[in-house]
Amino acid sequence: MLSYRHAFHAGNHADVLKHMVIIQLMRYLGQKDTAYMVIDTHAGAGVYALDGDYASKNAEYDTGIAKLWDRKDLPPALKEYVDLVRSLNPSGKMRYYPGSPYCAEKVMREQDRLRLFELHPTEVKVLEENFRKLEAHAAAQGQRPAARGKRVMVYRGDGFQGLKALLPPPSRRALVLIDPPYEDKRDYTHVAQVLADALTRFPTGMYAVWYPALQRNESRQLPERLKRLGAKSWLNVSLAIHGPAPDGFGLHNSGMFILNPPWTLEPMLRELMPYLVDVLGVDDSAEFVLESGET
């Protein structure tokens, strides 16, 4: 199914949770000099115009980044995330929102590598063009990467399939982001199957899965399936901004499930998640769940 466009949801509460966590995972990997690779299996367009036709249709960013934009009391991890979004909006007006590829590119170092997969024919063209513009802007500022053309690579294809060829990475250090649209309920099964295979190929890798916490059985069962994959450790965090709608439609809750998370992530989230519930929550049903385990 190729109808999904993430621009409709850019900057919403789910993006806040996802991108904040991704940045912190990369910061942890960056504490060692050894290079690491970031692999994004469903990259999207990379950057989204919040005043464009898609994003402005439902203005979902009002449930997320817009509520954080002018806050002066942001916890450090959230401030770093909001500052990154601000770097894309030098005028101070919130017009553009960075997807996972842009967030990763801004955080990674010269020696690190970014591998992006996108299957949607329109999205991948926009993704390629966005990174061409980013490279041209860097060149205009006198920045010419030593690893030109190798630091970021975009693949037109299915990230579920393409991941196999990249594991394990040469440096044996990687963060894999798996974020399918879940329009097709088979995506839930594909996520579990792909991760089972990935852990066989690269058991020490760090794997981050975004998922919608919906009423459907496949959504509720996914975290439990991931807990049983046999990774050394796991962490599951979810954020609900209100209770489910009577008709079952709309995204009110989403989560990030991390296999082999850094030890620093859980204590940071325990301090930060109550703040997100307070600021992004809409009613008394707003809550977070944070759990972890080892095998």
C-alpha atoms as a PDB file:
ATOM      1  CA  MET A   1       0.000   0.000   0.000  1.00  0.00           C
ATOM      2  CA  LEU A   2       1.557   3.273  -1.141  1.00  0.00           C
ATOM      3  CA  SER A   3      -1.034   5.861  -0.161  1.00  0.00           C
ATOM      4  CA  TYR A   4       0.529   6.883   3.148  1.00  0.00           C
ATOM      5  CA  ARG A   5       2.058  10.364   3.417  1.00  0.00           C
ATOM      6  CA  HIS A   6       3.653  11.256   6.740  1.00  0.00           C
ATOM      7  CA  ALA A   7       3.231  14.974   6.045  1.00  0.00           C
ATOM      8  CA  PHE A   8      -0.361  14.688   7.300  1.00  0.00           C
ATOM      9  CA  HIS A   9       1.009  13.842  10.769  1.00  0.00           C
ATOM     10  CA  ALA A  10       4.261  15.839  10.845  1.00  0.00           C
ATOM     11  CA  GLY A  11       5.151  17.276  14.236  1.00  0.00           C
ATOM     12  CA  ASN A  12       2.332  15.612  16.171  1.00  0.00           C
ATOM     13  CA  HIS A  13       2.664  14.141  19.674  1.00  0.00           C
ATOM     14  CA  ALA A  14       3.918  10.834  18.255  1.00  0.00           C
ATOM     15  CA  ASP A  15       6.697  12.620  16.365  1.00  0.00           C
ATOM     16  CA  VAL A  16       7.722  14.452  19.545  1.00  0.00           C
ATOM     17  CA  LEU A  17       8.219  11.160  21.383  1.00  0.00           C
ATOM     18  CA  LYS A  18       9.871   9.400  18.448  1.00  0.00           C
ATOM     19  CA  HIS A  19      12.339  12.086  17.471  1.00  0.00           C
ATOM     20  CA  MET A  20      13.290  12.986  21.017  1.00  0.00           C
ATOM     21  CA  VAL A  21      14.134   9.327  21.707  1.00  0.00           C
ATOM     22  CA  ILE A  22      16.074   8.942  18.431  1.00  0.00           C
ATOM     23  CA  ILE A  23      18.236  11.966  19.230  1.00  0.00           C
ATOM     24  CA  GLN A  24      19.069  10.584  22.667  1.00  0.00           C
ATOM     25  CA  LEU A  25      19.954   7.147  21.272  1.00  0.00           C
ATOM     26  CA  MET A  26      22.329   8.767  18.790  1.00  0.00           C
ATOM     27  CA  ARG A  27      23.898  10.960  21.471  1.00  0.00           C
ATOM     28  CA  TYR A  28      24.694   7.825  23.436  1.00  0.00           C
ATOM     29  CA  LEU A  29      26.293   6.147  20.406  1.00  0.00           C
ATOM     30  CA  GLY A  30      28.294   9.302  19.783  1.00  0.00           C
ATOM     31  CA  GLN A  31      30.046   9.056  23.150  1.00  0.00           C
ATOM     32  CA  LYS A  32      32.567   6.677  21.559  1.00  0.00           C
ATOM     33  CA  ASP A  33      34.861   7.756  18.746  1.00  0.00           C
ATOM     34  CA  THR A  34      34.111   4.630  16.691  1.00  0.00           C
ATOM     35  CA  ALA A  35      31.744   5.335  13.818  1.00  0.00           C
ATOM     36  CA  TYR A  36      28.175   4.111  13.881  1.00  0.00           C
ATOM     37  CA  MET A  37      25.483   3.666  11.236  1.00  0.00           C
ATOM     38  CA  VAL A  38      21.864   4.784  11.365  1.00  0.00           C
ATOM     39  CA  ILE A  39      19.481   2.779   9.186  1.00  0.00           C
ATOM     40  CA  ASP A  40      15.960   4.121   8.646  1.00  0.00           C
ATOM     41  CA  THR A  41      13.724   1.530   6.990  1.00  0.00           C
ATOM     42  CA  HIS A  42      10.823   3.917   6.261  1.00  0.00           C
ATOM     43  CA  ALA A  43      12.422   7.327   5.896  1.00  0.00           C
ATOM     44  CA  GLY A  44       9.647   9.427   4.377  1.00  0.00           C
ATOM     45  CA  ALA A  45      10.433  12.798   2.813  1.00  0.00           C
ATOM     46  CA  GLY A  46      12.898  13.991   5.449  1.00  0.00           C
ATOM     47  CA  VAL A  47      11.463  17.496   5.897  1.00  0.00           C
ATOM     48  CA  TYR A  48       7.836  18.670   5.943  1.00  0.00           C
ATOM     49  CA  ALA A  49       6.262  22.078   5.350  1.00  0.00           C
ATOM     50  CA  LEU A  50       3.788  22.670   8.177  1.00  0.00           C
ATOM     51  CA  ASP A  51       2.005  25.299   6.106  1.00  0.00           C
ATOM     52  CA  GLY A  52       1.718  22.926   3.127  1.00  0.00           C
ATOM     53  CA  ASP A  53      -1.495  21.267   1.982  1.00  0.00           C
ATOM     54  CA  TYR A  54      -0.848  17.962   3.740  1.00  0.00           C
ATOM     55  CA  ALA A  55       0.355  19.121   7.166  1.00  0.00           C
ATOM     56  CA  SER A  56      -2.129  21.995   7.429  1.00  0.00           C
ATOM     57  CA  LYS A  57      -5.149  19.813   6.619  1.00  0.00           C
ATOM     58  CA  ASN A  58      -5.522  18.512  10.169  1.00  0.00           C
ATOM     59  CA  ALA A  59      -2.725  20.580  11.771  1.00  0.00           C
ATOM     60  CA  GLU A  60      -1.648  17.628  13.897  1.00  0.00           C
ATOM     61  CA  TYR A  61       1.472  19.563  14.871  1.00  0.00           C
ATOM     62  CA  ASP A  62      -0.803  21.479  17.250  1.00  0.00           C
ATOM     63  CA  THR A  63      -0.850  18.329  19.420  1.00  0.00           C
ATOM     64  CA  GLY A  64       2.950  18.161  19.536  1.00  0.00           C
ATOM     65  CA  ILE A  65       5.727  20.526  18.565  1.00  0.00           C
ATOM     66  CA  ALA A  66       3.465  23.614  18.677  1.00  0.00           C
ATOM     67  CA  LYS A  67       2.861  23.092  22.402  1.00  0.00           C
ATOM     68  CA  LEU A  68       6.598  22.985  23.072  1.00  0.00           C
ATOM     69  CA  TRP A  69       7.704  25.773  20.743  1.00  0.00           C
ATOM     70  CA  ASP A  70       7.600  28.685  23.201  1.00  0.00           C
ATOM     71  CA  ARG A  71       8.180  26.794  26.443  1.00  0.00           C
ATOM     72  CA  LYS A  72      11.007  28.089  28.628  1.00  0.00           C
ATOM     73  CA  ASP A  73      11.020  25.166  31.049  1.00  0.00           C
ATOM     74  CA  LEU A  74      11.908  22.290  28.710  1.00  0.00           C
ATOM     75  CA  PRO A  75      13.868  19.385  30.217  1.00  0.00           C
ATOM     76  CA  PRO A  76      17.325  19.039  28.585  1.00  0.00           C
ATOM     77  CA  ALA A  77      16.431  16.191  26.201  1.00  0.00           C
ATOM     78  CA  LEU A  78      13.301  17.997  24.995  1.00  0.00           C
ATOM     79  CA  LYS A  79      15.188  21.283  24.671  1.00  0.00           C
ATOM     80  CA  GLU A  80      17.759  19.602  22.438  1.00  0.00           C
ATOM     81  CA  TYR A  81      14.961  18.244  20.258  1.00  0.00           C
ATOM     82  CA  VAL A  82      13.132  21.582  20.038  1.00  0.00           C
ATOM     83  CA  ASP A  83      16.412  23.397  19.318  1.00  0.00           C
ATOM     84  CA  LEU A  84      17.022  21.005  16.416  1.00  0.00           C
ATOM     85  CA  VAL A  85      13.582  21.838  14.998  1.00  0.00           C
ATOM     86  CA  ARG A  86      14.341  25.532  15.495  1.00  0.00           C
ATOM     87  CA  SER A  87      17.557  25.156  13.481  1.00  0.00           C
ATOM     88  CA  LEU A  88      15.334  24.362  10.497  1.00  0.00           C
ATOM     89  CA  ASN A  89      13.346  27.555  11.131  1.00  0.00           C
ATOM     90  CA  PRO A  90      15.916  30.371  11.506  1.00  0.00           C
ATOM     91  CA  SER A  91      13.217  33.052  11.199  1.00  0.00           C
ATOM     92  CA  GLY A  92      11.725  31.842  14.474  1.00  0.00           C
ATOM     93  CA  LYS A  93       8.407  31.023  12.837  1.00  0.00           C
ATOM     94  CA  MET A  94       7.468  27.356  12.916  1.00  0.00           C
ATOM     95  CA  ARG A  95       7.204  26.501   9.199  1.00  0.00           C
ATOM     96  CA  TYR A  96       9.218  23.313   8.682  1.00  0.00           C
ATOM     97  CA  TYR A  97       9.387  20.090  10.611  1.00  0.00           C
ATOM     98  CA  PRO A  98      12.277  17.607  10.357  1.00  0.00           C
ATOM     99  CA  GLY A  99      11.582  13.924   9.897  1.00  0.00           C
ATOM    100  CA  SER A 100      13.840  11.211  11.271  1.00  0.00           C
ATOM    101  CA  PRO A 101      16.382  11.482   8.384  1.00  0.00           C
ATOM    102  CA  TYR A 102      17.005  15.179   9.015  1.00  0.00           C
ATOM    103  CA  CYS A 103      17.199  14.665  12.785  1.00  0.00           C
ATOM    104  CA  ALA A 104      19.752  11.888  12.259  1.00  0.00           C
ATOM    105  CA  GLU A 105      21.830  13.933   9.821  1.00  0.00           C
ATOM    106  CA  LYS A 106      22.011  16.856  12.231  1.00  0.00           C
ATOM    107  CA  VAL A 107      23.139  14.694  15.165  1.00  0.00           C
ATOM    108  CA  MET A 108      25.540  12.302  13.435  1.00  0.00           C
ATOM    109  CA  ARG A 109      29.251  13.051  13.062  1.00  0.00           C
ATOM    110  CA  GLU A 110      31.506  13.151  10.011  1.00  0.00           C
ATOM    111  CA  GLN A 111      32.595   9.523  10.445  1.00  0.00           C
ATOM    112  CA  ASP A 112      29.052   8.179  10.938  1.00  0.00           C
ATOM    113  CA  ARG A 113      26.786   6.874   8.177  1.00  0.00           C
ATOM    114  CA  LEU A 114      23.093   7.274   7.393  1.00  0.00           C
ATOM    115  CA  ARG A 115      21.214   4.784   5.211  1.00  0.00           C
ATOM    116  CA  LEU A 116      17.656   5.683   4.219  1.00  0.00           C
ATOM    117  CA  PHE A 117      15.020   3.475   2.608  1.00  0.00           C
ATOM    118  CA  GLU A 118      11.756   4.747   1.151  1.00  0.00           C
ATOM    119  CA  LEU A 119       9.299   2.849  -1.051  1.00  0.00           C
ATOM    120  CA  HIS A 120       6.752   5.564  -1.843  1.00  0.00           C
ATOM    121  CA  PRO A 121       7.739   6.927  -5.293  1.00  0.00           C
ATOM    122  CA  THR A 122       6.866  10.541  -4.523  1.00  0.00           C
ATOM    123  CA  GLU A 123       8.316  10.552  -1.009  1.00  0.00           C
ATOM    124  CA  VAL A 124      11.659   9.142  -2.125  1.00  0.00           C
ATOM    125  CA  LYS A 125      12.044  11.827  -4.801  1.00  0.00           C
ATOM    126  CA  VAL A 126      11.397  14.539  -2.220  1.00  0.00           C
ATOM    127  CA  LEU A 127      13.808  12.837   0.192  1.00  0.00           C
ATOM    128  CA  GLU A 128      16.581  12.789  -2.424  1.00  0.00           C
ATOM    129  CA  GLU A 129      15.940  16.421  -3.330  1.00  0.00           C
ATOM    130  CA  ASN A 130      15.964  17.503   0.320  1.00  0.00           C
ATOM    131  CA  PHE A 131      19.370  15.935   0.873  1.00  0.00           C
ATOM    132  CA  ARG A 132      20.725  17.472  -2.341  1.00  0.00           C
ATOM    133  CA  LYS A 133      19.636  20.870  -1.005  1.00  0.00           C
ATOM    134  CA  LEU A 134      21.200  20.099   2.365  1.00  0.00           C
ATOM    135  CA  GLU A 135      24.497  19.169   0.727  1.00  0.00           C
ATOM    136  CA  ALA A 136      24.426  22.269  -1.478  1.00  0.00           C
ATOM    137  CA  HIS A 137      23.767  24.480   1.540  1.00  0.00           C
ATOM    138  CA  ALA A 138      26.685  22.900   3.429  1.00  0.00           C
ATOM    139  CA  ALA A 139      28.959  23.417   0.406  1.00  0.00           C
ATOM    140  CA  ALA A 140      27.914  27.074   0.216  1.00  0.00           C
ATOM    141  CA  GLN A 141      29.018  27.399   3.841  1.00  0.00           C
ATOM    142  CA  GLY A 142      32.408  25.931   2.979  1.00  0.00           C
ATOM    143  CA  GLN A 143      31.658  22.513   4.459  1.00  0.00           C
ATOM    144  CA  ARG A 144      32.875  19.714   2.215  1.00  0.00           C
ATOM    145  CA  PRO A 145      32.638  16.268   3.827  1.00  0.00           C
ATOM    146  CA  ALA A 146      35.666  14.031   3.398  1.00  0.00           C
ATOM    147  CA  ALA A 147      33.314  11.099   2.769  1.00  0.00           C
ATOM    148  CA  ARG A 148      31.270  12.908   0.148  1.00  0.00           C
ATOM    149  CA  GLY A 149      28.530  10.721  -1.298  1.00  0.00           C
ATOM    150  CA  LYS A 150      29.023   7.982   1.278  1.00  0.00           C
ATOM    151  CA  ARG A 151      27.895   9.647   4.498  1.00  0.00           C
ATOM    152  CA  VAL A 152      24.219   9.638   3.467  1.00  0.00           C
ATOM    153  CA  MET A 153      22.725   7.192   0.981  1.00  0.00           C
ATOM    154  CA  VAL A 154      19.091   6.966  -0.132  1.00  0.00           C
ATOM    155  CA  TYR A 155      17.680   3.674  -1.416  1.00  0.00           C
ATOM    156  CA  ARG A 156      14.474   3.443  -3.415  1.00  0.00           C
ATOM    157  CA  GLY A 157      12.931   0.276  -2.079  1.00  0.00           C
ATOM    158  CA  ASP A 158      11.479  -1.770   0.752  1.00  0.00           C
ATOM    159  CA  GLY A 159      13.416  -1.144   3.956  1.00  0.00           C
ATOM    160  CA  PHE A 160      12.209  -4.424   5.428  1.00  0.00           C
ATOM    161  CA  GLN A 161      14.080  -6.227   2.655  1.00  0.00           C
ATOM    162  CA  GLY A 162      16.995  -3.817   2.341  1.00  0.00           C
ATOM    163  CA  LEU A 163      17.950  -4.022   5.997  1.00  0.00           C
ATOM    164  CA  LYS A 164      19.328  -7.542   5.602  1.00  0.00           C
ATOM    165  CA  ALA A 165      22.183  -6.461   3.344  1.00  0.00           C
ATOM    166  CA  LEU A 166      23.389  -3.803   5.817  1.00  0.00           C
ATOM    167  CA  LEU A 167      23.689  -5.994   8.901  1.00  0.00           C
ATOM    168  CA  PRO A 168      26.072  -6.232  10.545  1.00  0.00           C
ATOM    169  CA  PRO A 169      27.619  -2.843   9.666  1.00  0.00           C
ATOM    170  CA  PRO A 170      31.425  -2.645   9.259  1.00  0.00           C
ATOM    171  CA  SER A 171      31.894  -0.843  12.581  1.00  0.00           C
ATOM    172  CA  ARG A 172      29.590  -3.267  14.444  1.00  0.00           C
ATOM    173  CA  ARG A 173      27.741  -0.248  15.837  1.00  0.00           C
ATOM    174  CA  ALA A 174      24.312   0.782  14.566  1.00  0.00           C
ATOM    175  CA  LEU A 175      20.897   2.196  15.350  1.00  0.00           C
ATOM    176  CA  VAL A 176      18.076   0.766  13.245  1.00  0.00           C
ATOM    177  CA  LEU A 177      14.836   2.746  13.134  1.00  0.00           C
ATOM    178  CA  ILE A 178      11.754   0.830  12.010  1.00  0.00           C
ATOM    179  CA  ASP A 179       8.746   3.063  11.485  1.00  0.00           C
ATOM    180  CA  PRO A 180       6.297   1.641   8.901  1.00  0.00           C
ATOM    181  CA  PRO A 181       2.903   3.287   8.302  1.00  0.00           C
ATOM    182  CA  TYR A 182       0.958   0.279   9.668  1.00  0.00           C
ATOM    183  CA  GLU A 183      -1.789   0.958   7.117  1.00  0.00           C
ATOM    184  CA  ASP A 184      -1.510  -2.702   6.212  1.00  0.00           C
ATOM    185  CA  LYS A 185      -1.992  -4.794   9.361  1.00  0.00           C
ATOM    186  CA  ARG A 186       0.660  -7.174   8.021  1.00  0.00           C
ATOM    187  CA  ASP A 187       3.228  -4.507   8.938  1.00  0.00           C
ATOM    188  CA  TYR A 188       2.946  -5.613  12.565  1.00  0.00           C
ATOM    189  CA  THR A 189       3.992  -9.140  11.632  1.00  0.00           C
ATOM    190  CA  HIS A 190       6.704  -7.842   9.299  1.00  0.00           C
ATOM    191  CA  VAL A 191       8.221  -5.764  12.104  1.00  0.00           C
ATOM    192  CA  ALA A 192       8.541  -8.773  14.404  1.00  0.00           C
ATOM    193  CA  GLN A 193       9.891 -11.007  11.633  1.00  0.00           C
ATOM    194  CA  VAL A 194      12.443  -8.457  10.440  1.00  0.00           C
ATOM    195  CA  LEU A 195      13.687  -7.856  13.966  1.00  0.00           C
ATOM    196  CA  ALA A 196      14.018 -11.580  14.659  1.00  0.00           C
ATOM    197  CA  ASP A 197      16.194 -11.897  11.560  1.00  0.00           C
ATOM    198  CA  ALA A 198      18.158  -8.722  12.391  1.00  0.00           C
ATOM    199  CA  LEU A 199      18.984  -9.978  15.882  1.00  0.00           C
ATOM    200  CA  THR A 200      20.360 -13.159  14.341  1.00  0.00           C
ATOM    201  CA  ARG A 201      22.589 -11.183  11.989  1.00  0.00           C
ATOM    202  CA  PHE A 202      23.540  -8.448  14.465  1.00  0.00           C
ATOM    203  CA  PRO A 203      22.530  -9.283  18.073  1.00  0.00           C
ATOM    204  CA  THR A 204      24.300  -6.283  19.636  1.00  0.00           C
ATOM    205  CA  GLY A 205      22.612  -3.681  17.451  1.00  0.00           C
ATOM    206  CA  MET A 206      20.272  -1.050  18.850  1.00  0.00           C
ATOM    207  CA  TYR A 207      16.785  -1.270  17.341  1.00  0.00           C
ATOM    208  CA  ALA A 208      14.060   1.362  17.793  1.00  0.00           C
ATOM    209  CA  VAL A 209      10.486   0.628  16.678  1.00  0.00           C
ATOM    210  CA  TRP A 210       7.749   3.234  16.565  1.00  0.00           C
ATOM    211  CA  TYR A 211       4.213   1.888  16.802  1.00  0.00           C
ATOM    212  CA  PRO A 212       0.684   3.312  17.078  1.00  0.00           C
ATOM    213  CA  ALA A 213      -1.150   2.207  20.222  1.00  0.00           C
ATOM    214  CA  LEU A 214      -4.516   1.494  18.646  1.00  0.00           C
ATOM    215  CA  GLN A 215      -7.529  -0.590  19.608  1.00  0.00           C
ATOM    216  CA  ARG A 216      -6.775  -3.248  16.984  1.00  0.00           C
ATOM    217  CA  ASN A 217      -5.366  -6.540  18.254  1.00  0.00           C
ATOM    218  CA  GLU A 218      -2.221  -6.376  16.131  1.00  0.00           C
ATOM    219  CA  SER A 219      -1.250  -3.064  17.719  1.00  0.00           C
ATOM    220  CA  ARG A 220      -1.855  -4.212  21.283  1.00  0.00           C
ATOM    221  CA  GLN A 221       0.071  -7.456  20.719  1.00  0.00           C
ATOM    222  CA  LEU A 222       3.163  -5.967  19.053  1.00  0.00           C
ATOM    223  CA  PRO A 223       5.054  -4.887  22.214  1.00  0.00           C
ATOM    224  CA  GLU A 224       4.504  -8.316  23.762  1.00  0.00           C
ATOM    225  CA  ARG A 225       5.846  -9.998  20.626  1.00  0.00           C
ATOM    226  CA  LEU A 226       8.931  -7.782  20.681  1.00  0.00           C
ATOM    227  CA  LYS A 227       9.639  -8.606  24.329  1.00  0.00           C
ATOM    228  CA  ARG A 228       9.961 -12.273  23.356  1.00  0.00           C
ATOM    229  CA  LEU A 229      12.483 -11.807  20.541  1.00  0.00           C
ATOM    230  CA  GLY A 230      15.450 -12.604  22.767  1.00  0.00           C
ATOM    231  CA  ALA A 231      17.327  -9.301  22.759  1.00  0.00           C
ATOM    232  CA  LYS A 232      19.623  -8.834  25.747  1.00  0.00           C
ATOM    233  CA  SER A 233      17.396  -6.038  27.050  1.00  0.00           C
ATOM    234  CA  TRP A 234      14.400  -3.944  25.992  1.00  0.00           C
ATOM    235  CA  LEU A 235      12.552  -0.749  26.882  1.00  0.00           C
ATOM    236  CA  ASN A 236       8.997   0.227  26.005  1.00  0.00           C
ATOM    237  CA  VAL A 237       7.660   3.774  26.383  1.00  0.00           C
ATOM    238  CA  SER A 238       4.289   5.073  25.233  1.00  0.00           C
ATOM    239  CA  LEU A 239       2.457   8.384  25.475  1.00  0.00           C
ATOM    240  CA  ALA A 240      -1.309   8.896  25.358  1.00  0.00           C
ATOM    241  CA  ILE A 241      -2.513  12.497  25.156  1.00  0.00           C
ATOM    242  CA  HIS A 242      -6.186  11.615  25.677  1.00  0.00           C
ATOM    243  CA  GLY A 243      -8.509   8.646  25.806  1.00  0.00           C
ATOM    244  CA  PRO A 244      -9.546   6.785  22.647  1.00  0.00           C
ATOM    245  CA  ALA A 245     -12.278   8.356  20.529  1.00  0.00           C
ATOM    246  CA  PRO A 246     -15.687   6.643  20.621  1.00  0.00           C
ATOM    247  CA  ASP A 247     -15.410   5.737  16.934  1.00  0.00           C
ATOM    248  CA  GLY A 248     -11.895   4.334  17.392  1.00  0.00           C
ATOM    249  CA  PHE A 249     -10.372   6.707  14.855  1.00  0.00           C
ATOM    250  CA  GLY A 250      -7.494   9.090  15.380  1.00  0.00           C
ATOM    251  CA  LEU A 251      -4.081   8.549  16.949  1.00  0.00           C
ATOM    252  CA  HIS A 252      -4.199   9.340  20.648  1.00  0.00           C
ATOM    253  CA  ASN A 253      -1.403   7.045  21.832  1.00  0.00           C
ATOM    254  CA  SER A 254       1.900   5.811  20.415  1.00  0.00           C
ATOM    255  CA  GLY A 255       5.061   4.169  21.618  1.00  0.00           C
ATOM    256  CA  MET A 256       8.730   3.517  21.059  1.00  0.00           C
ATOM    257  CA  PHE A 257      10.065   0.018  21.691  1.00  0.00           C
ATOM    258  CA  ILE A 258      13.862  -0.203  21.907  1.00  0.00           C
ATOM    259  CA  LEU A 259      15.851  -3.417  21.791  1.00  0.00           C
ATOM    260  CA  ASN A 260      19.289  -3.177  23.451  1.00  0.00           C
ATOM    261  CA  PRO A 261      18.661   0.344  24.796  1.00  0.00           C
ATOM    262  CA  PRO A 262      21.390   2.366  26.523  1.00  0.00           C
ATOM    263  CA  TRP A 263      21.235   2.254  30.305  1.00  0.00           C
ATOM    264  CA  THR A 264      20.840   6.038  30.400  1.00  0.00           C
ATOM    265  CA  LEU A 265      17.517   6.072  28.555  1.00  0.00           C
ATOM    266  CA  GLU A 266      15.152   4.764  31.231  1.00  0.00           C
ATOM    267  CA  PRO A 267      16.099   7.191  34.031  1.00  0.00           C
ATOM    268  CA  MET A 268      15.958  10.095  31.581  1.00  0.00           C
ATOM    269  CA  LEU A 269      12.463   9.096  30.437  1.00  0.00           C
ATOM    270  CA  ARG A 270      11.236   8.626  34.011  1.00  0.00           C
ATOM    271  CA  GLU A 271      11.996  12.283  34.642  1.00  0.00           C
ATOM    272  CA  LEU A 272      10.794  13.569  31.268  1.00  0.00           C
ATOM    273  CA  MET A 273       7.558  11.688  30.540  1.00  0.00           C
ATOM    274  CA  PRO A 274       5.472  13.302  33.328  1.00  0.00           C
ATOM    275  CA  TYR A 275       6.356  16.664  31.778  1.00  0.00           C
ATOM    276  CA  LEU A 276       5.134  15.516  28.351  1.00  0.00           C
ATOM    277  CA  VAL A 277       1.895  14.226  29.841  1.00  0.00           C
ATOM    278  CA  ASP A 278       1.351  17.560  31.571  1.00  0.00           C
ATOM    279  CA  VAL A 279       2.131  19.718  28.530  1.00  0.00           C
ATOM    280  CA  LEU A 280       0.705  17.593  25.702  1.00  0.00           C
ATOM    281  CA  GLY A 281      -2.148  15.962  27.612  1.00  0.00           C
ATOM    282  CA  VAL A 282      -5.677  16.946  26.612  1.00  0.00           C
ATOM    283  CA  ASP A 283      -7.764  15.293  29.350  1.00  0.00           C
ATOM    284  CA  ASP A 284      -7.483  13.171  32.478  1.00  0.00           C
ATOM    285  CA  SER A 285      -6.820  10.064  30.361  1.00  0.00           C
ATOM    286  CA  ALA A 286      -3.401  11.403  29.332  1.00  0.00           C
ATOM    287  CA  GLU A 287      -0.699   9.071  30.623  1.00  0.00           C
ATOM    288  CA  PHE A 288       2.586   7.384  29.892  1.00  0.00           C
ATOM    289  CA  VAL A 289       3.807   3.819  30.245  1.00  0.00           C
ATOM    290  CA  LEU A 290       7.469   3.018  30.800  1.00  0.00           C
ATOM    291  CA  GLU A 291       8.675  -0.525  31.266  1.00  0.00           C
ATOM    292  CA  SER A 292      11.889  -2.428  30.688  1.00  0.00           C
ATOM    293  CA  GLY A 293      13.275  -5.934  30.960  1.00  0.00           C
ATOM    294  CA  GLU A 294      16.162  -8.287  30.314  1.00  0.00           C
ATOM    295  CA  THR A 295      16.381 -11.795  28.872  1.00  0.00           C
END
